[in-house]
C-alpha atoms as a PDB file:
ATOM      1  CA  UNK A   1      12.893 -13.985  -4.591  1.00  0.00           C
ATOM      2  CA  UNK A   2      12.954 -11.062  -2.228  1.00  0.00           C
ATOM      3  CA  UNK A   3      16.474 -10.134  -3.393  1.00  0.00           C
ATOM      4  CA  UNK A   4      15.308 -10.120  -7.021  1.00  0.00           C
ATOM      5  CA  UNK A   5      12.288  -7.978  -6.153  1.00  0.00           C
ATOM      6  CA  UNK A   6      14.229  -5.467  -4.063  1.00  0.00           C
ATOM      7  CA  UNK A   7      16.968  -5.179  -6.707  1.00  0.00           C
ATOM      8  CA  UNK A   8      14.327  -4.629  -9.389  1.00  0.00           C
ATOM      9  CA  UNK A   9      12.650  -1.989  -7.219  1.00  0.00           C
ATOM     10  CA  UNK A  10      15.952  -0.256  -6.429  1.00  0.00           C
ATOM     11  CA  UNK A  11      17.001  -0.052 -10.064  1.00  0.00           C
ATOM     12  CA  UNK A  12      13.677   1.522 -11.006  1.00  0.00           C
ATOM     13  CA  UNK A  13      13.920   4.006  -8.126  1.00  0.00           C
ATOM     14  CA  UNK A  14      17.409   4.887  -9.356  1.00  0.00           C
ATOM     15  CA  UNK A  15      16.076   5.404 -12.873  1.00  0.00           C
ATOM     16  CA  UNK A  16      13.472   7.820 -11.531  1.00  0.00           C
ATOM     17  CA  UNK A  17      16.131   9.741  -9.628  1.00  0.00           C
ATOM     18  CA  UNK A  18      18.393   9.816 -12.694  1.00  0.00           C
ATOM     19  CA  UNK A  19      15.527  11.235 -14.733  1.00  0.00           C
ATOM     20  CA  UNK A  20      14.961  14.029 -12.210  1.00  0.00           C
ATOM     21  CA  UNK A  21      18.691  14.865 -12.306  1.00  0.00           C
ATOM     22  CA  UNK A  22      18.792  14.513 -16.107  1.00  0.00           C
ATOM     23  CA  UNK A  23      21.490  11.861 -15.721  1.00  0.00           C
ATOM     24  CA  UNK A  24      20.280   9.509 -18.436  1.00  0.00           C
ATOM     25  CA  UNK A  25      23.485   8.456 -20.193  1.00  0.00           C
ATOM     26  CA  UNK A  26      23.157   4.815 -19.124  1.00  0.00           C
ATOM     27  CA  UNK A  27      19.365   4.785 -18.757  1.00  0.00           C
ATOM     28  CA  UNK A  28      18.813   2.124 -21.411  1.00  0.00           C
ATOM     29  CA  UNK A  29      21.357  -0.249 -19.884  1.00  0.00           C
ATOM     30  CA  UNK A  30      19.711  -0.127 -16.457  1.00  0.00           C
ATOM     31  CA  UNK A  31      16.253  -0.469 -17.973  1.00  0.00           C
ATOM     32  CA  UNK A  32      17.486  -3.624 -19.687  1.00  0.00           C
ATOM     33  CA  UNK A  33      18.914  -4.956 -16.407  1.00  0.00           C
ATOM     34  CA  UNK A  34      15.582  -4.421 -14.683  1.00  0.00           C
ATOM     35  CA  UNK A  35      13.639  -6.000 -17.544  1.00  0.00           C
ATOM     36  CA  UNK A  36      15.962  -9.022 -17.453  1.00  0.00           C
ATOM     37  CA  UNK A  37      15.414  -9.517 -13.712  1.00  0.00           C
ATOM     38  CA  UNK A  38      11.645  -9.359 -14.153  1.00  0.00           C
ATOM     39  CA  UNK A  39      11.631 -11.743 -17.097  1.00  0.00           C
ATOM     40  CA  UNK A  40      13.897 -14.306 -15.436  1.00  0.00           C
ATOM     41  CA  UNK A  41      12.065 -14.241 -12.099  1.00  0.00           C
ATOM     42  CA  UNK A  42       8.732 -14.818 -13.773  1.00  0.00           C
ATOM     43  CA  UNK A  43      10.044 -17.558 -16.034  1.00  0.00           C
ATOM     44  CA  UNK A  44      12.032 -19.440 -13.402  1.00  0.00           C
ATOM     45  CA  UNK A  45      10.301 -18.846 -10.065  1.00  0.00           C
ATOM     46  CA  UNK A  46       6.570 -18.381 -10.693  1.00  0.00           C
ATOM     47  CA  UNK A  47       4.371 -21.352  -9.731  1.00  0.00           C
ATOM     48  CA  UNK A  48       1.077 -20.974 -11.547  1.00  0.00           C
ATOM     49  CA  UNK A  49      -0.626 -23.744  -9.568  1.00  0.00           C
ATOM     50  CA  UNK A  50       0.247 -22.274  -6.181  1.00  0.00           C
ATOM     51  CA  UNK A  51      -0.159 -18.675  -7.313  1.00  0.00           C
ATOM     52  CA  UNK A  52       3.163 -17.727  -5.689  1.00  0.00           C
ATOM     53  CA  UNK A  53       6.877 -17.445  -6.407  1.00  0.00           C
ATOM     54  CA  UNK A  54       9.507 -19.887  -5.170  1.00  0.00           C
ATOM     55  CA  UNK A  55      12.369 -18.391  -3.200  1.00  0.00           C
ATOM     56  CA  UNK A  56      14.935 -19.614  -5.724  1.00  0.00           C
ATOM     57  CA  UNK A  57      15.441 -22.400  -8.259  1.00  0.00           C
ATOM     58  CA  UNK A  58      16.700 -24.907  -5.693  1.00  0.00           C
ATOM     59  CA  UNK A  59      13.749 -24.890  -3.261  1.00  0.00           C
ATOM     60  CA  UNK A  60       9.996 -25.298  -3.099  1.00  0.00           C
ATOM     61  CA  UNK A  61       9.811 -22.629  -0.366  1.00  0.00           C
ATOM     62  CA  UNK A  62       7.408 -19.804  -1.217  1.00  0.00           C
ATOM     63  CA  UNK A  63       8.363 -17.002   1.165  1.00  0.00           C
ATOM     64  CA  UNK A  64       6.205 -14.262   2.615  1.00  0.00           C
ATOM     65  CA  UNK A  65       8.842 -11.596   2.013  1.00  0.00           C
ATOM     66  CA  UNK A  66       9.634 -12.500  -1.601  1.00  0.00           C
ATOM     67  CA  UNK A  67       6.006 -12.808  -2.672  1.00  0.00           C
ATOM     68  CA  UNK A  68       5.023  -9.635  -0.856  1.00  0.00           C
ATOM     69  CA  UNK A  69       7.851  -7.707  -2.469  1.00  0.00           C
ATOM     70  CA  UNK A  70       7.029  -9.085  -5.905  1.00  0.00           C
ATOM     71  CA  UNK A  71       3.819  -7.038  -5.681  1.00  0.00           C
ATOM     72  CA  UNK A  72       5.301  -3.987  -3.951  1.00  0.00           C
ATOM     73  CA  UNK A  73       8.121  -3.756  -6.509  1.00  0.00           C
ATOM     74  CA  UNK A  74       5.699  -4.461  -9.389  1.00  0.00           C
ATOM     75  CA  UNK A  75       7.826  -7.364 -10.529  1.00  0.00           C
ATOM     76  CA  UNK A  76       4.599  -9.307 -11.178  1.00  0.00           C
ATOM     77  CA  UNK A  77       3.646  -9.412 -14.850  1.00  0.00           C
ATOM     78  CA  UNK A  78      -0.122  -9.089 -14.472  1.00  0.00           C
ATOM     79  CA  UNK A  79      -2.742  -7.919 -11.980  1.00  0.00           C
ATOM     80  CA  UNK A  80      -4.003 -11.513 -11.809  1.00  0.00           C
ATOM     81  CA  UNK A  81      -0.609 -12.615 -10.452  1.00  0.00           C
ATOM     82  CA  UNK A  82      -0.835 -10.009  -7.688  1.00  0.00           C
ATOM     83  CA  UNK A  83      -4.366 -11.138  -6.869  1.00  0.00           C
ATOM     84  CA  UNK A  84      -3.267 -14.783  -6.772  1.00  0.00           C
ATOM     85  CA  UNK A  85      -0.419 -13.963  -4.359  1.00  0.00           C
ATOM     86  CA  UNK A  86      -2.784 -11.960  -2.155  1.00  0.00           C
ATOM     87  CA  UNK A  87      -5.210 -14.879  -1.967  1.00  0.00           C
ATOM     88  CA  UNK A  88      -2.443 -17.411  -1.268  1.00  0.00           C
ATOM     89  CA  UNK A  89      -0.957 -15.304   1.519  1.00  0.00           C
ATOM     90  CA  UNK A  90      -4.354 -14.951   3.211  1.00  0.00           C
ATOM     91  CA  UNK A  91      -4.774 -18.722   3.299  1.00  0.00           C
ATOM     92  CA  UNK A  92      -1.672 -18.972   5.492  1.00  0.00           C
ATOM     93  CA  UNK A  93      -2.917 -16.682   8.254  1.00  0.00           C
ATOM     94  CA  UNK A  94      -3.217 -18.120  11.739  1.00  0.00           C
ATOM     95  CA  UNK A  95      -4.954 -16.698  14.817  1.00  0.00           C
ATOM     96  CA  UNK A  96      -2.005 -14.364  15.541  1.00  0.00           C
ATOM     97  CA  UNK A  97      -0.914 -13.377  12.045  1.00  0.00           C
ATOM     98  CA  UNK A  98       0.792 -14.694   8.909  1.00  0.00           C
ATOM     99  CA  UNK A  99       3.868 -16.927   9.064  1.00  0.00           C
ATOM    100  CA  UNK A 100       7.183 -15.894   7.586  1.00  0.00           C
ATOM    101  CA  UNK A 101       7.869 -19.405   6.319  1.00  0.00           C
ATOM    102  CA  UNK A 102      11.381 -18.322   5.388  1.00  0.00           C
ATOM    103  CA  UNK A 103      12.054 -17.620   9.091  1.00  0.00           C
ATOM    104  CA  UNK A 104      10.802 -20.841  10.722  1.00  0.00           C
ATOM    105  CA  UNK A 105       7.195 -19.575  10.601  1.00  0.00           C
ATOM    106  CA  UNK A 106       7.914 -16.617  12.854  1.00  0.00           C
ATOM    107  CA  UNK A 107       5.439 -13.752  12.674  1.00  0.00           C
ATOM    108  CA  UNK A 108       7.340 -10.696  11.490  1.00  0.00           C
ATOM    109  CA  UNK A 109       5.457  -7.392  11.820  1.00  0.00           C
ATOM    110  CA  UNK A 110       8.173  -5.859   9.643  1.00  0.00           C
ATOM    111  CA  UNK A 111       7.455  -7.973   6.577  1.00  0.00           C
ATOM    112  CA  UNK A 112       3.756  -8.162   7.436  1.00  0.00           C
ATOM    113  CA  UNK A 113       3.731  -4.374   7.042  1.00  0.00           C
ATOM    114  CA  UNK A 114       4.760  -4.892   3.427  1.00  0.00           C
ATOM    115  CA  UNK A 115       2.149  -7.625   3.081  1.00  0.00           C
ATOM    116  CA  UNK A 116      -0.451  -5.009   4.019  1.00  0.00           C
ATOM    117  CA  UNK A 117       0.831  -2.787   1.210  1.00  0.00           C
ATOM    118  CA  UNK A 118       0.856  -5.735  -1.191  1.00  0.00           C
ATOM    119  CA  UNK A 119      -2.805  -6.579  -0.502  1.00  0.00           C
ATOM    120  CA  UNK A 120      -3.769  -2.957  -1.173  1.00  0.00           C
ATOM    121  CA  UNK A 121      -1.770  -2.857  -4.408  1.00  0.00           C
ATOM    122  CA  UNK A 122      -3.436  -6.131  -5.446  1.00  0.00           C
ATOM    123  CA  UNK A 123      -6.835  -4.465  -4.995  1.00  0.00           C
ATOM    124  CA  UNK A 124      -7.655  -6.356  -1.794  1.00  0.00           C
ATOM    125  CA  UNK A 125      -7.986  -3.426   0.620  1.00  0.00           C
ATOM    126  CA  UNK A 126     -10.285  -5.261   3.026  1.00  0.00           C
ATOM    127  CA  UNK A 127      -7.662  -8.007   3.432  1.00  0.00           C
ATOM    128  CA  UNK A 128      -5.076  -5.377   4.355  1.00  0.00           C
ATOM    129  CA  UNK A 129      -7.391  -3.999   7.033  1.00  0.00           C
ATOM    130  CA  UNK A 130      -8.197  -7.506   8.290  1.00  0.00           C
ATOM    131  CA  UNK A 131      -4.468  -8.197   8.664  1.00  0.00           C
ATOM    132  CA  UNK A 132      -4.015  -4.999  10.677  1.00  0.00           C
ATOM    133  CA  UNK A 133      -6.826  -6.019  13.005  1.00  0.00           C
ATOM    134  CA  UNK A 134      -5.490  -9.574  13.327  1.00  0.00           C
ATOM    135  CA  UNK A 135      -1.764  -9.019  13.883  1.00  0.00           C
ATOM    136  CA  UNK A 136      -1.586  -5.510  15.298  1.00  0.00           C
ATOM    137  CA  UNK A 137      -4.764  -6.062  17.288  1.00  0.00           C
ATOM    138  CA  UNK A 138      -3.051  -9.024  18.961  1.00  0.00           C
ATOM    139  CA  UNK A 139       0.011  -6.938  19.755  1.00  0.00           C
ATOM    140  CA  UNK A 140      -2.066  -4.115  21.238  1.00  0.00           C
ATOM    141  CA  UNK A 141      -4.424  -6.299  23.265  1.00  0.00           C
ATOM    142  CA  UNK A 142      -2.246  -9.130  24.579  1.00  0.00           C
ATOM    143  CA  UNK A 143      -1.338  -8.578  28.276  1.00  0.00           C
ATOM    144  CA  UNK A 144       2.231  -9.764  27.648  1.00  0.00           C
ATOM    145  CA  UNK A 145       2.835  -6.782  25.358  1.00  0.00           C
ATOM    146  CA  UNK A 146       3.241  -3.099  26.271  1.00  0.00           C
ATOM    147  CA  UNK A 147      -0.253  -2.236  24.938  1.00  0.00           C
ATOM    148  CA  UNK A 148       1.234   0.839  23.279  1.00  0.00           C
ATOM    149  CA  UNK A 149       4.236  -0.262  21.198  1.00  0.00           C
ATOM    150  CA  UNK A 150       4.921  -3.140  18.815  1.00  0.00           C
ATOM    151  CA  UNK A 151       7.149  -6.170  19.235  1.00  0.00           C
ATOM    152  CA  UNK A 152       9.896  -7.125  16.781  1.00  0.00           C
ATOM    153  CA  UNK A 153       8.499 -10.599  16.215  1.00  0.00           C
ATOM    154  CA  UNK A 154       6.946 -13.654  17.837  1.00  0.00           C
ATOM    155  CA  UNK A 155       5.977 -17.250  17.108  1.00  0.00           C
ATOM    156  CA  UNK A 156       3.140 -18.394  14.888  1.00  0.00           C
ATOM    157  CA  UNK A 157       1.493 -19.979  17.958  1.00  0.00           C
ATOM    158  CA  UNK A 158       1.452 -16.629  19.761  1.00  0.00           C
ATOM    159  CA  UNK A 159       4.330 -17.376  22.145  1.00  0.00           C
ATOM    160  CA  UNK A 160       6.809 -14.546  22.660  1.00  0.00           C
ATOM    161  CA  UNK A 161       9.751 -16.234  21.023  1.00  0.00           C
ATOM    162  CA  UNK A 162      11.260 -14.970  17.754  1.00  0.00           C
ATOM    163  CA  UNK A 163      12.962 -17.700  15.728  1.00  0.00           C
ATOM    164  CA  UNK A 164      15.811 -15.567  14.290  1.00  0.00           C
ATOM    165  CA  UNK A 165      17.142 -14.957  17.839  1.00  0.00           C
ATOM    166  CA  UNK A 166      18.525 -17.519  20.274  1.00  0.00           C
ATOM    167  CA  UNK A 167      17.547 -15.577  23.407  1.00  0.00           C
ATOM    168  CA  UNK A 168      14.104 -14.095  23.994  1.00  0.00           C
ATOM    169  CA  UNK A 169      15.262 -11.020  25.994  1.00  0.00           C
ATOM    170  CA  UNK A 170      16.943  -9.753  22.822  1.00  0.00           C
ATOM    171  CA  UNK A 171      13.562  -9.187  21.135  1.00  0.00           C
ATOM    172  CA  UNK A 172      12.575  -5.529  21.048  1.00  0.00           C
ATOM    173  CA  UNK A 173       9.114  -4.659  22.383  1.00  0.00           C
ATOM    174  CA  UNK A 174       9.256  -1.111  21.015  1.00  0.00           C
ATOM    175  CA  UNK A 175      10.288  -1.754  17.454  1.00  0.00           C
ATOM    176  CA  UNK A 176      10.038   1.036  14.881  1.00  0.00           C
ATOM    177  CA  UNK A 177      10.188  -1.451  12.000  1.00  0.00           C
ATOM    178  CA  UNK A 178       6.895  -2.946  13.223  1.00  0.00           C
ATOM    179  CA  UNK A 179       4.856   0.218  12.665  1.00  0.00           C
ATOM    180  CA  UNK A 180       4.197  -0.174   8.934  1.00  0.00           C
ATOM    181  CA  UNK A 181       0.382   0.150   9.116  1.00  0.00           C
ATOM    182  CA  UNK A 182       0.832   3.827  10.004  1.00  0.00           C
ATOM    183  CA  UNK A 183       2.164   4.551   6.517  1.00  0.00           C
ATOM    184  CA  UNK A 184      -0.403   2.385   4.745  1.00  0.00           C
ATOM    185  CA  UNK A 185      -3.274   3.977   6.667  1.00  0.00           C
ATOM    186  CA  UNK A 186      -2.040   7.464   5.738  1.00  0.00           C
ATOM    187  CA  UNK A 187      -0.955   6.916   2.136  1.00  0.00           C
ATOM    188  CA  UNK A 188      -3.426   4.273   0.929  1.00  0.00           C
ATOM    189  CA  UNK A 189      -6.478   4.093   3.206  1.00  0.00           C
ATOM    190  CA  UNK A 190      -6.790   7.842   3.830  1.00  0.00           C
ATOM    191  CA  UNK A 191      -5.095   8.234   0.462  1.00  0.00           C
ATOM    192  CA  UNK A 192      -2.714  11.182   0.888  1.00  0.00           C
ATOM    193  CA  UNK A 193      -0.028  10.506  -1.726  1.00  0.00           C
ATOM    194  CA  UNK A 194       2.934  12.835  -2.358  1.00  0.00           C
ATOM    195  CA  UNK A 195       4.036  12.371  -5.962  1.00  0.00           C
ATOM    196  CA  UNK A 196       6.881  14.887  -6.074  1.00  0.00           C
ATOM    197  CA  UNK A 197       9.390  16.162  -3.530  1.00  0.00           C
ATOM    198  CA  UNK A 198       7.729  17.546  -0.429  1.00  0.00           C
ATOM    199  CA  UNK A 199       4.298  17.312  -2.015  1.00  0.00           C
ATOM    200  CA  UNK A 200       4.606  19.837  -4.846  1.00  0.00           C
ATOM    201  CA  UNK A 201       2.429  17.378  -6.716  1.00  0.00           C
ATOM    202  CA  UNK A 202      -0.051  15.122  -4.902  1.00  0.00           C
ATOM    203  CA  UNK A 203      -2.994  12.791  -5.261  1.00  0.00           C
ATOM    204  CA  UNK A 204      -5.846  12.213  -2.827  1.00  0.00           C
ATOM    205  CA  UNK A 205      -6.990   8.633  -3.452  1.00  0.00           C
ATOM    206  CA  UNK A 206      -8.668   7.029  -0.418  1.00  0.00           C
ATOM    207  CA  UNK A 207      -9.363   3.292  -0.470  1.00  0.00           C
ATOM    208  CA  UNK A 208     -11.648   2.447   2.439  1.00  0.00           C
ATOM    209  CA  UNK A 209     -12.135  -1.278   1.923  1.00  0.00           C
ATOM    210  CA  UNK A 210     -14.591  -2.353   4.633  1.00  0.00           C
ATOM    211  CA  UNK A 211     -14.254   0.948   6.516  1.00  0.00           C
ATOM    212  CA  UNK A 212     -16.777   3.781   6.418  1.00  0.00           C
ATOM    213  CA  UNK A 213     -14.456   6.570   7.568  1.00  0.00           C
ATOM    214  CA  UNK A 214     -10.783   7.496   7.210  1.00  0.00           C
ATOM    215  CA  UNK A 215      -9.084  10.639   8.508  1.00  0.00           C
ATOM    216  CA  UNK A 216      -5.354  11.434   8.335  1.00  0.00           C
ATOM    217  CA  UNK A 217      -2.984  14.338   7.974  1.00  0.00           C
ATOM    218  CA  UNK A 218       0.638  15.442   8.219  1.00  0.00           C
ATOM    219  CA  UNK A 219       2.877  18.374   7.351  1.00  0.00           C
ATOM    220  CA  UNK A 220       5.855  18.894   5.066  1.00  0.00           C
ATOM    221  CA  UNK A 221       7.922  22.071   4.609  1.00  0.00           C
ATOM    222  CA  UNK A 222       5.335  23.124   2.002  1.00  0.00           C
ATOM    223  CA  UNK A 223       2.459  22.988   4.483  1.00  0.00           C
ATOM    224  CA  UNK A 224      -0.278  20.701   5.755  1.00  0.00           C
ATOM    225  CA  UNK A 225      -2.015  17.803   4.030  1.00  0.00           C
ATOM    226  CA  UNK A 226      -5.266  16.415   5.440  1.00  0.00           C
ATOM    227  CA  UNK A 227      -8.033  14.187   4.089  1.00  0.00           C
ATOM    228  CA  UNK A 228     -11.294  13.116   5.705  1.00  0.00           C
ATOM    229  CA  UNK A 229     -13.437  10.548   3.866  1.00  0.00           C
ATOM    230  CA  UNK A 230     -16.889   9.192   4.676  1.00  0.00           C
ATOM    231  CA  UNK A 231     -18.847   6.525   2.817  1.00  0.00           C
ATOM    232  CA  UNK A 232     -22.459   5.436   3.223  1.00  0.00           C
ATOM    233  CA  UNK A 233     -23.989   2.012   2.796  1.00  0.00           C
ATOM    234  CA  UNK A 234     -25.956   3.407  -0.149  1.00  0.00           C
ATOM    235  CA  UNK A 235     -22.752   4.145  -2.049  1.00  0.00           C
ATOM    236  CA  UNK A 236     -22.500   7.904  -1.514  1.00  0.00           C
ATOM    237  CA  UNK A 237     -19.043   9.269  -0.698  1.00  0.00           C
ATOM    238  CA  UNK A 238     -17.637  12.525   0.666  1.00  0.00           C
ATOM    239  CA  UNK A 239     -14.004  13.644   0.833  1.00  0.00           C
ATOM    240  CA  UNK A 240     -12.886  16.887   2.451  1.00  0.00           C
ATOM    241  CA  UNK A 241      -9.204  17.568   1.897  1.00  0.00           C
ATOM    242  CA  UNK A 242      -6.639  20.315   2.302  1.00  0.00           C
ATOM    243  CA  UNK A 243      -3.303  20.694   0.514  1.00  0.00           C
ATOM    244  CA  UNK A 244      -0.759  23.553   0.566  1.00  0.00           C
ATOM    245  CA  UNK A 245      -1.182  26.627  -1.594  1.00  0.00           C
ATOM    246  CA  UNK A 246       1.109  26.635  -4.623  1.00  0.00           C
ATOM    247  CA  UNK A 247       0.905  22.876  -5.150  1.00  0.00           C
ATOM    248  CA  UNK A 248      -1.085  20.912  -7.722  1.00  0.00           C
ATOM    249  CA  UNK A 249      -2.666  17.502  -7.780  1.00  0.00           C
ATOM    250  CA  UNK A 250      -5.549  15.172  -8.418  1.00  0.00           C
ATOM    251  CA  UNK A 251      -8.328  13.354  -6.627  1.00  0.00           C
ATOM    252  CA  UNK A 252      -9.246   9.743  -7.347  1.00  0.00           C
ATOM    253  CA  UNK A 253     -12.315   7.946  -6.055  1.00  0.00           C
ATOM    254  CA  UNK A 254     -12.559   4.157  -6.028  1.00  0.00           C
ATOM    255  CA  UNK A 255     -14.937   3.078  -8.782  1.00  0.00           C
ATOM    256  CA  UNK A 256     -18.418   3.089  -7.226  1.00  0.00           C
ATOM    257  CA  UNK A 257     -21.041   0.371  -7.376  1.00  0.00           C
ATOM    258  CA  UNK A 258     -23.683   2.763  -8.639  1.00  0.00           C
ATOM    259  CA  UNK A 259     -24.058   5.386 -11.335  1.00  0.00           C
ATOM    260  CA  UNK A 260     -23.986   8.983 -10.250  1.00  0.00           C
ATOM    261  CA  UNK A 261     -22.291  12.359 -10.347  1.00  0.00           C
ATOM    262  CA  UNK A 262     -18.967  13.419  -8.839  1.00  0.00           C
ATOM    263  CA  UNK A 263     -18.824  17.073  -7.777  1.00  0.00           C
ATOM    264  CA  UNK A 264     -15.723  19.017  -6.730  1.00  0.00           C
ATOM    265  CA  UNK A 265     -15.973  22.346  -4.968  1.00  0.00           C
ATOM    266  CA  UNK A 266     -13.034  24.584  -4.110  1.00  0.00           C
ATOM    267  CA  UNK A 267     -13.771  26.241  -0.796  1.00  0.00           C
ATOM    268  CA  UNK A 268     -11.454  29.265  -0.412  1.00  0.00           C
ATOM    269  CA  UNK A 269     -11.597  32.583  -2.208  1.00  0.00           C
ATOM    270  CA  UNK A 270     -13.676  31.375  -5.094  1.00  0.00           C
ATOM    271  CA  UNK A 271     -16.158  28.577  -5.533  1.00  0.00           C
ATOM    272  CA  UNK A 272     -15.952  26.335  -8.559  1.00  0.00           C
ATOM    273  CA  UNK A 273     -17.960  23.219  -9.225  1.00  0.00           C
ATOM    274  CA  UNK A 274     -16.870  20.502 -11.629  1.00  0.00           C
ATOM    275  CA  UNK A 275     -19.328  17.713 -12.423  1.00  0.00           C
ATOM    276  CA  UNK A 276     -18.122  14.484 -13.926  1.00  0.00           C
ATOM    277  CA  UNK A 277     -20.096  11.681 -15.545  1.00  0.00           C
ATOM    278  CA  UNK A 278     -18.920   8.535 -13.727  1.00  0.00           C
ATOM    279  CA  UNK A 279     -18.904   6.239 -16.731  1.00  0.00           C
ATOM    280  CA  UNK A 280     -16.878   8.655 -18.836  1.00  0.00           C
ATOM    281  CA  UNK A 281     -14.200   9.330 -16.231  1.00  0.00           C
ATOM    282  CA  UNK A 282     -13.308   5.816 -15.071  1.00  0.00           C
ATOM    283  CA  UNK A 283      -9.581   5.265 -15.611  1.00  0.00           C
ATOM    284  CA  UNK A 284      -7.633   2.042 -16.130  1.00  0.00           C
ATOM    285  CA  UNK A 285      -7.486   1.254 -12.416  1.00  0.00           C
ATOM    286  CA  UNK A 286     -11.239   1.536 -12.021  1.00  0.00           C
ATOM    287  CA  UNK A 287     -11.056   4.902 -10.257  1.00  0.00           C
ATOM    288  CA  UNK A 288     -12.779   8.144 -11.129  1.00  0.00           C
ATOM    289  CA  UNK A 289      -9.898  10.613 -11.375  1.00  0.00           C
ATOM    290  CA  UNK A 290      -9.865  14.368 -11.805  1.00  0.00           C
ATOM    291  CA  UNK A 291      -6.510  16.136 -12.143  1.00  0.00           C
ATOM    292  CA  UNK A 292      -5.361  19.710 -12.618  1.00  0.00           C
ATOM    293  CA  UNK A 293      -6.440  20.759  -9.122  1.00  0.00           C
ATOM    294  CA  UNK A 294      -4.648  23.511  -7.205  1.00  0.00           C
ATOM    295  CA  UNK A 295      -3.662  23.406  -3.554  1.00  0.00           C
ATOM    296  CA  UNK A 296      -6.300  24.583  -1.112  1.00  0.00           C
ATOM    297  CA  UNK A 297      -9.460  23.330   0.551  1.00  0.00           C
ATOM    298  CA  UNK A 298     -11.729  21.065  -1.469  1.00  0.00           C
ATOM    299  CA  UNK A 299     -14.977  19.191  -1.030  1.00  0.00           C
ATOM    300  CA  UNK A 300     -15.594  16.068  -3.129  1.00  0.00           C
ATOM    301  CA  UNK A 301     -19.067  14.549  -3.251  1.00  0.00           C
ATOM    302  CA  UNK A 302     -20.246  11.458  -5.061  1.00  0.00           C
ATOM    303  CA  UNK A 303     -23.977  10.797  -5.002  1.00  0.00           C
ATOM    304  CA  UNK A 304     -25.653   7.767  -6.517  1.00  0.00           C
ATOM    305  CA  UNK A 305     -28.447   8.623  -8.905  1.00  0.00           C
END
C-alpha cells in the first residue's frame, strides 16, 4: 500500500512541477495513471470494517506506513476514510509508541513522523500532539537515550532493539530521519506554510489542537517568517505573524466554537483593519480564511461575541 501511495504522490508532485515549467504535453496521461492507482487501491485494498487499507491483495496485514501515506498522499477517497485510519492507528498505540506492524512491530520514529502528519491532515490535531508526547517524550526522557537526539528505532516493548537490524550497535542514536515533528510543529501547528518557491506565496494557518500557544519561525532567501499564536479557554484567538516584504499570502483560522469577529491589522507603515463575519467566511475545510494579504507584520484577533 505504501508503494501505491508514494507513487501516487510522486506523480502528482511531478504534475505540479510540469505545470510550473509549462511542460504539459503528457499531462493527461499521467493524470490518468494517478487516477487509476487511486481507484484500484481503494477498490482492492480498502477494508471498510477495519477502517484501514491492506498492504496488498495477498495479505491481511494493515501497515502503519501504507495507511499513513494513504492520507499524506491524499489517496483516500473521502475525509471519513482519513478519519477512520486516524482512529484505527491510535488504537494500536502502546506505552512507547505505535507499532510498525510491517516491521515486526518495531517502533519507527521515521514513519511515526508521517503518522503525525496524517493525524493532522485527518483533522485530529490533538492526536498528533499526543503521539509526539508519547513517542518523542519517551526518547527524550529515557536514561538509555542521549536525552538530546532521537534513535532510529526500538521495540514495541521499549527495549532498545530494532527489528530490521540483526545487531543492536548498528542502530543510530542521532538519526535525522527521526526528527519529523520539527516540520509538523512548524508547518501545521504553528502553521507557517510556503505555497510557492521560497515563500513568494504563503499561508499562516495554525492548528493548536490541545495547545494554547505555538511559536515558530525560519528564514528563506526572501526573508524571515514567524508566527506566534495564543488561544484562550473562552475561544478568543490571537496571531502575530511576520512575512517578507514583496510576498503575498493568506491567513486561516481554525473554525471557532463561538460566533464573533475576526480582525486583521497591518502593523507597518499604514494601519488597515479588515473585519470578517465568521459565518460568512467559513471555507470548505471549516477555517475562516482571508487572502490577498501582503508581506509584512500583521496582527490577527478573533473575539467571541
